Amino acid sequence: MYQTFNQGHTSVALSYPAVLASPAVLALSPAQGRGGTLVTIADRRLALLPAAPAIYFNGVLAPLVSAIPAGLVVRVPGGATTGRVKVVTADGAG
């Protein structure tokens, strides 16, 4: 969805999805794994952030391996248990 703002003679079109900065995890691949497993987190704009986000597997911080066009690659930390995957950035958590 686009909204156009007219400022005098200049119009600016903003795409709302591009403006929203909160992180959004779209998918995990693989969906499950043991400690040490590499997981790709398909996301919305996380790989483009200037500072690396913090990723938690059920409260345990996961090391970021790389940022790729498809998302982020993290290693499941030892001691992680089944539960929520949380991504924290300067703009919020998701």
N, C-alpha and C. Protein backbone atom coordinates (compact mmCIF):
# COMPACT_ATOMS: atom_id res chain seq x y z
N MET A 1 0.84 -1.16 0.00
CA MET A 1 0.00 0.00 0.00
C MET A 1 0.89 1.23 0.00
N TYR A 2 0.54 2.19 -0.80
CA TYR A 2 1.31 3.43 -0.90
C TYR A 2 0.44 4.60 -0.48
N GLN A 3 1.06 5.55 0.17
CA GLN A 3 0.39 6.79 0.53
C GLN A 3 1.23 7.92 -0.04
N THR A 4 0.59 8.87 -0.71
CA THR A 4 1.31 9.99 -1.30
C THR A 4 1.05 11.25 -0.49
N PHE A 5 2.11 11.94 -0.13
CA PHE A 5 2.03 13.20 0.59
C PHE A 5 2.48 14.30 -0.35
N ASN A 6 1.71 15.35 -0.45
CA ASN A 6 2.07 16.45 -1.33
C ASN A 6 2.60 17.60 -0.49
N GLN A 7 3.85 17.94 -0.68
CA GLN A 7 4.49 19.04 0.04
C GLN A 7 4.84 20.13 -0.97
N GLY A 8 3.94 21.07 -1.16
CA GLY A 8 4.17 22.08 -2.18
C GLY A 8 4.11 21.45 -3.55
N HIS A 9 5.22 21.44 -4.25
CA HIS A 9 5.28 20.86 -5.59
C HIS A 9 5.89 19.46 -5.60
N THR A 10 6.26 18.96 -4.43
CA THR A 10 6.94 17.67 -4.36
C THR A 10 6.00 16.63 -3.78
N SER A 11 5.91 15.50 -4.43
CA SER A 11 5.13 14.38 -3.89
C SER A 11 6.09 13.28 -3.48
N VAL A 12 5.79 12.68 -2.35
CA VAL A 12 6.61 11.60 -1.82
C VAL A 12 5.72 10.38 -1.65
N ALA A 13 6.10 9.26 -2.23
CA ALA A 13 5.33 8.02 -2.08
C ALA A 13 6.09 7.10 -1.15
N LEU A 14 5.43 6.63 -0.11
CA LEU A 14 6.04 5.73 0.85
C LEU A 14 5.33 4.40 0.82
N SER A 15 6.10 3.34 0.82
CA SER A 15 5.55 2.00 0.93
C SER A 15 5.52 1.65 2.41
N TYR A 16 4.35 1.40 2.96
CA TYR A 16 4.27 1.12 4.38
C TYR A 16 5.14 -0.05 4.83
N PRO A 17 5.21 -1.16 4.09
CA PRO A 17 6.09 -2.25 4.54
C PRO A 17 7.56 -1.82 4.63
N ALA A 18 7.99 -0.89 3.77
CA ALA A 18 9.37 -0.45 3.80
C ALA A 18 9.63 0.49 4.98
N VAL A 19 8.59 1.13 5.48
CA VAL A 19 8.74 2.07 6.58
C VAL A 19 8.75 1.34 7.92
N LEU A 20 7.95 0.30 8.05
CA LEU A 20 7.89 -0.44 9.30
C LEU A 20 9.21 -1.12 9.56
N ALA A 21 9.77 -0.89 10.74
CA ALA A 21 11.11 -1.37 11.03
C ALA A 21 11.15 -2.57 11.97
N SER A 22 10.05 -2.90 12.61
CA SER A 22 10.07 -4.00 13.56
C SER A 22 10.44 -5.29 12.85
N PRO A 23 11.25 -6.12 13.51
CA PRO A 23 11.66 -7.37 12.88
C PRO A 23 10.49 -8.34 12.73
N ALA A 24 10.57 -9.16 11.71
CA ALA A 24 9.53 -10.15 11.47
C ALA A 24 10.18 -11.44 11.00
N VAL A 25 10.05 -12.49 11.78
CA VAL A 25 10.54 -13.81 11.38
C VAL A 25 9.45 -14.45 10.54
N LEU A 26 9.80 -14.82 9.31
CA LEU A 26 8.82 -15.42 8.40
C LEU A 26 8.86 -16.94 8.42
N ALA A 27 10.07 -17.52 8.56
CA ALA A 27 10.20 -18.98 8.56
C ALA A 27 11.56 -19.37 9.09
N LEU A 28 11.66 -20.59 9.59
CA LEU A 28 12.92 -21.18 10.05
C LEU A 28 13.19 -22.42 9.22
N SER A 29 14.45 -22.59 8.80
CA SER A 29 14.79 -23.77 8.02
C SER A 29 16.17 -24.28 8.45
N PRO A 30 16.25 -25.49 8.99
CA PRO A 30 15.17 -26.42 9.28
C PRO A 30 14.34 -25.92 10.46
N ALA A 31 13.15 -26.45 10.60
CA ALA A 31 12.23 -26.01 11.65
C ALA A 31 12.62 -26.55 13.02
N GLN A 32 13.50 -27.52 13.07
CA GLN A 32 13.97 -28.05 14.36
C GLN A 32 15.38 -28.57 14.20
N GLY A 33 16.09 -28.63 15.31
CA GLY A 33 17.46 -29.14 15.27
C GLY A 33 18.09 -29.08 16.64
N ARG A 34 19.18 -29.81 16.80
CA ARG A 34 19.92 -29.85 18.06
C ARG A 34 20.90 -28.70 18.13
N GLY A 35 21.52 -28.55 19.30
CA GLY A 35 22.56 -27.56 19.45
C GLY A 35 23.63 -27.74 18.39
N GLY A 36 24.08 -26.64 17.78
CA GLY A 36 25.08 -26.71 16.73
C GLY A 36 24.50 -26.69 15.32
N THR A 37 23.19 -26.95 15.19
CA THR A 37 22.56 -26.94 13.87
C THR A 37 22.53 -25.53 13.30
N LEU A 38 22.86 -25.38 12.02
CA LEU A 38 22.73 -24.10 11.35
C LEU A 38 21.28 -23.91 10.91
N VAL A 39 20.72 -22.77 11.23
CA VAL A 39 19.33 -22.46 10.91
C VAL A 39 19.29 -21.16 10.12
N THR A 40 18.54 -21.17 9.01
CA THR A 40 18.30 -19.94 8.25
C THR A 40 16.98 -19.36 8.71
N ILE A 41 17.02 -18.10 9.09
CA ILE A 41 15.81 -17.39 9.50
C ILE A 41 15.40 -16.49 8.35
N ALA A 42 14.32 -16.87 7.67
CA ALA A 42 13.79 -16.01 6.61
C ALA A 42 13.10 -14.84 7.32
N ASP A 43 13.43 -13.63 6.88
CA ASP A 43 12.99 -12.46 7.61
C ASP A 43 12.54 -11.35 6.70
N ARG A 44 12.14 -10.29 7.30
CA ARG A 44 11.79 -9.08 6.58
C ARG A 44 12.81 -8.01 6.96
N ARG A 45 13.80 -7.79 6.10
CA ARG A 45 14.80 -6.74 6.20
C ARG A 45 15.82 -6.88 7.33
N LEU A 46 15.90 -7.99 8.01
CA LEU A 46 16.88 -8.12 9.10
C LEU A 46 18.30 -8.12 8.59
N ALA A 47 18.54 -8.75 7.45
CA ALA A 47 19.90 -8.83 6.93
C ALA A 47 20.43 -7.47 6.47
N LEU A 48 19.54 -6.49 6.32
CA LEU A 48 19.96 -5.17 5.84
C LEU A 48 20.21 -4.18 6.97
N LEU A 49 20.01 -4.58 8.21
CA LEU A 49 20.21 -3.67 9.33
C LEU A 49 21.68 -3.32 9.51
N PRO A 50 21.97 -2.08 9.94
CA PRO A 50 23.36 -1.69 10.13
C PRO A 50 24.03 -2.42 11.29
N ALA A 51 23.27 -2.77 12.31
CA ALA A 51 23.82 -3.51 13.45
C ALA A 51 23.19 -4.90 13.48
N ALA A 52 23.99 -5.88 13.82
CA ALA A 52 23.49 -7.26 13.86
C ALA A 52 22.43 -7.42 14.94
N PRO A 53 21.34 -8.09 14.61
CA PRO A 53 20.31 -8.35 15.62
C PRO A 53 20.76 -9.45 16.56
N ALA A 54 20.14 -9.52 17.72
CA ALA A 54 20.36 -10.62 18.67
C ALA A 54 19.24 -11.63 18.45
N ILE A 55 19.60 -12.91 18.33
CA ILE A 55 18.61 -13.97 18.11
C ILE A 55 18.66 -14.91 19.31
N TYR A 56 17.49 -15.21 19.84
CA TYR A 56 17.39 -16.09 21.01
C TYR A 56 16.52 -17.30 20.68
N PHE A 57 16.99 -18.47 21.08
CA PHE A 57 16.21 -19.70 20.99
C PHE A 57 15.73 -20.01 22.40
N ASN A 58 14.46 -19.76 22.65
CA ASN A 58 13.85 -19.96 23.97
C ASN A 58 14.69 -19.33 25.08
N GLY A 59 15.14 -18.09 24.83
CA GLY A 59 15.87 -17.32 25.84
C GLY A 59 17.38 -17.48 25.81
N VAL A 60 17.92 -18.38 24.97
CA VAL A 60 19.37 -18.60 24.90
C VAL A 60 19.90 -17.91 23.64
N LEU A 61 20.88 -17.02 23.82
CA LEU A 61 21.44 -16.26 22.70
C LEU A 61 22.12 -17.18 21.70
N ALA A 62 21.79 -17.01 20.42
CA ALA A 62 22.37 -17.81 19.34
C ALA A 62 23.41 -16.99 18.60
N PRO A 63 24.57 -17.58 18.27
CA PRO A 63 25.57 -16.85 17.50
C PRO A 63 25.13 -16.66 16.05
N LEU A 64 25.28 -15.43 15.56
CA LEU A 64 24.99 -15.11 14.17
C LEU A 64 26.17 -15.56 13.33
N VAL A 65 25.91 -16.39 12.32
CA VAL A 65 26.96 -16.90 11.44
C VAL A 65 27.12 -15.98 10.24
N SER A 66 26.00 -15.61 9.60
CA SER A 66 26.08 -14.72 8.45
C SER A 66 24.71 -14.13 8.13
N ALA A 67 24.76 -13.06 7.34
CA ALA A 67 23.54 -12.46 6.79
C ALA A 67 23.58 -12.70 5.29
N ILE A 68 22.53 -13.30 4.77
CA ILE A 68 22.44 -13.61 3.34
C ILE A 68 21.16 -12.98 2.80
N PRO A 69 21.02 -12.88 1.47
CA PRO A 69 19.80 -12.28 0.92
C PRO A 69 18.50 -12.93 1.41
N ALA A 70 18.54 -14.23 1.68
CA ALA A 70 17.34 -14.94 2.13
C ALA A 70 17.05 -14.72 3.60
N GLY A 71 18.00 -14.16 4.35
CA GLY A 71 17.78 -13.95 5.78
C GLY A 71 19.06 -14.05 6.57
N LEU A 72 18.94 -14.57 7.77
CA LEU A 72 20.08 -14.71 8.68
C LEU A 72 20.38 -16.18 8.91
N VAL A 73 21.65 -16.49 9.06
CA VAL A 73 22.05 -17.86 9.39
C VAL A 73 22.62 -17.82 10.80
N VAL A 74 22.06 -18.62 11.68
CA VAL A 74 22.50 -18.70 13.08
C VAL A 74 22.77 -20.15 13.43
N ARG A 75 23.52 -20.32 14.50
CA ARG A 75 23.80 -21.67 15.01
C ARG A 75 22.98 -21.86 16.28
N VAL A 76 22.21 -22.95 16.34
CA VAL A 76 21.43 -23.24 17.54
C VAL A 76 22.40 -23.39 18.70
N PRO A 77 22.22 -22.60 19.76
CA PRO A 77 23.15 -22.67 20.89
C PRO A 77 22.96 -23.95 21.72
N GLY A 78 24.05 -24.42 22.29
CA GLY A 78 23.95 -25.54 23.21
C GLY A 78 23.08 -25.12 24.39
N GLY A 79 22.26 -25.99 24.86
CA GLY A 79 21.39 -25.67 25.99
C GLY A 79 20.05 -25.08 25.57
N ALA A 80 19.87 -24.80 24.29
CA ALA A 80 18.57 -24.29 23.83
C ALA A 80 17.55 -25.42 23.90
N THR A 81 16.33 -25.06 24.23
CA THR A 81 15.25 -26.03 24.30
C THR A 81 14.13 -25.60 23.36
N THR A 82 13.17 -26.48 23.16
CA THR A 82 12.03 -26.16 22.30
C THR A 82 11.33 -24.94 22.86
N GLY A 83 11.03 -24.01 21.96
CA GLY A 83 10.34 -22.80 22.40
C GLY A 83 10.41 -21.71 21.34
N ARG A 84 10.21 -20.52 21.78
CA ARG A 84 10.11 -19.34 20.91
C ARG A 84 11.47 -18.90 20.38
N VAL A 85 11.49 -18.48 19.11
CA VAL A 85 12.66 -17.84 18.53
C VAL A 85 12.36 -16.34 18.54
N LYS A 86 13.25 -15.57 19.14
CA LYS A 86 13.04 -14.13 19.28
C LYS A 86 14.20 -13.39 18.64
N VAL A 87 13.86 -12.37 17.85
CA VAL A 87 14.86 -11.51 17.22
C VAL A 87 14.73 -10.12 17.82
N VAL A 88 15.86 -9.58 18.29
CA VAL A 88 15.86 -8.26 18.92
C VAL A 88 16.76 -7.33 18.13
N THR A 89 16.21 -6.17 17.74
CA THR A 89 16.99 -5.14 17.05
C THR A 89 16.82 -3.83 17.82
N ALA A 90 17.52 -2.82 17.38
CA ALA A 90 17.37 -1.50 18.00
C ALA A 90 15.96 -0.96 17.80
N ASP A 91 15.24 -1.48 16.80
CA ASP A 91 13.89 -1.01 16.49
C ASP A 91 12.79 -1.82 17.16
N GLY A 92 13.14 -2.88 17.86
CA GLY A 92 12.11 -3.68 18.52
C GLY A 92 12.44 -5.16 18.49
N ALA A 93 11.47 -5.95 18.91
CA ALA A 93 11.65 -7.41 18.96
C ALA A 93 10.50 -8.08 18.24
N GLY A 94 10.80 -9.25 17.67
CA GLY A 94 9.75 -9.98 16.96
C GLY A 94 10.01 -11.45 16.98
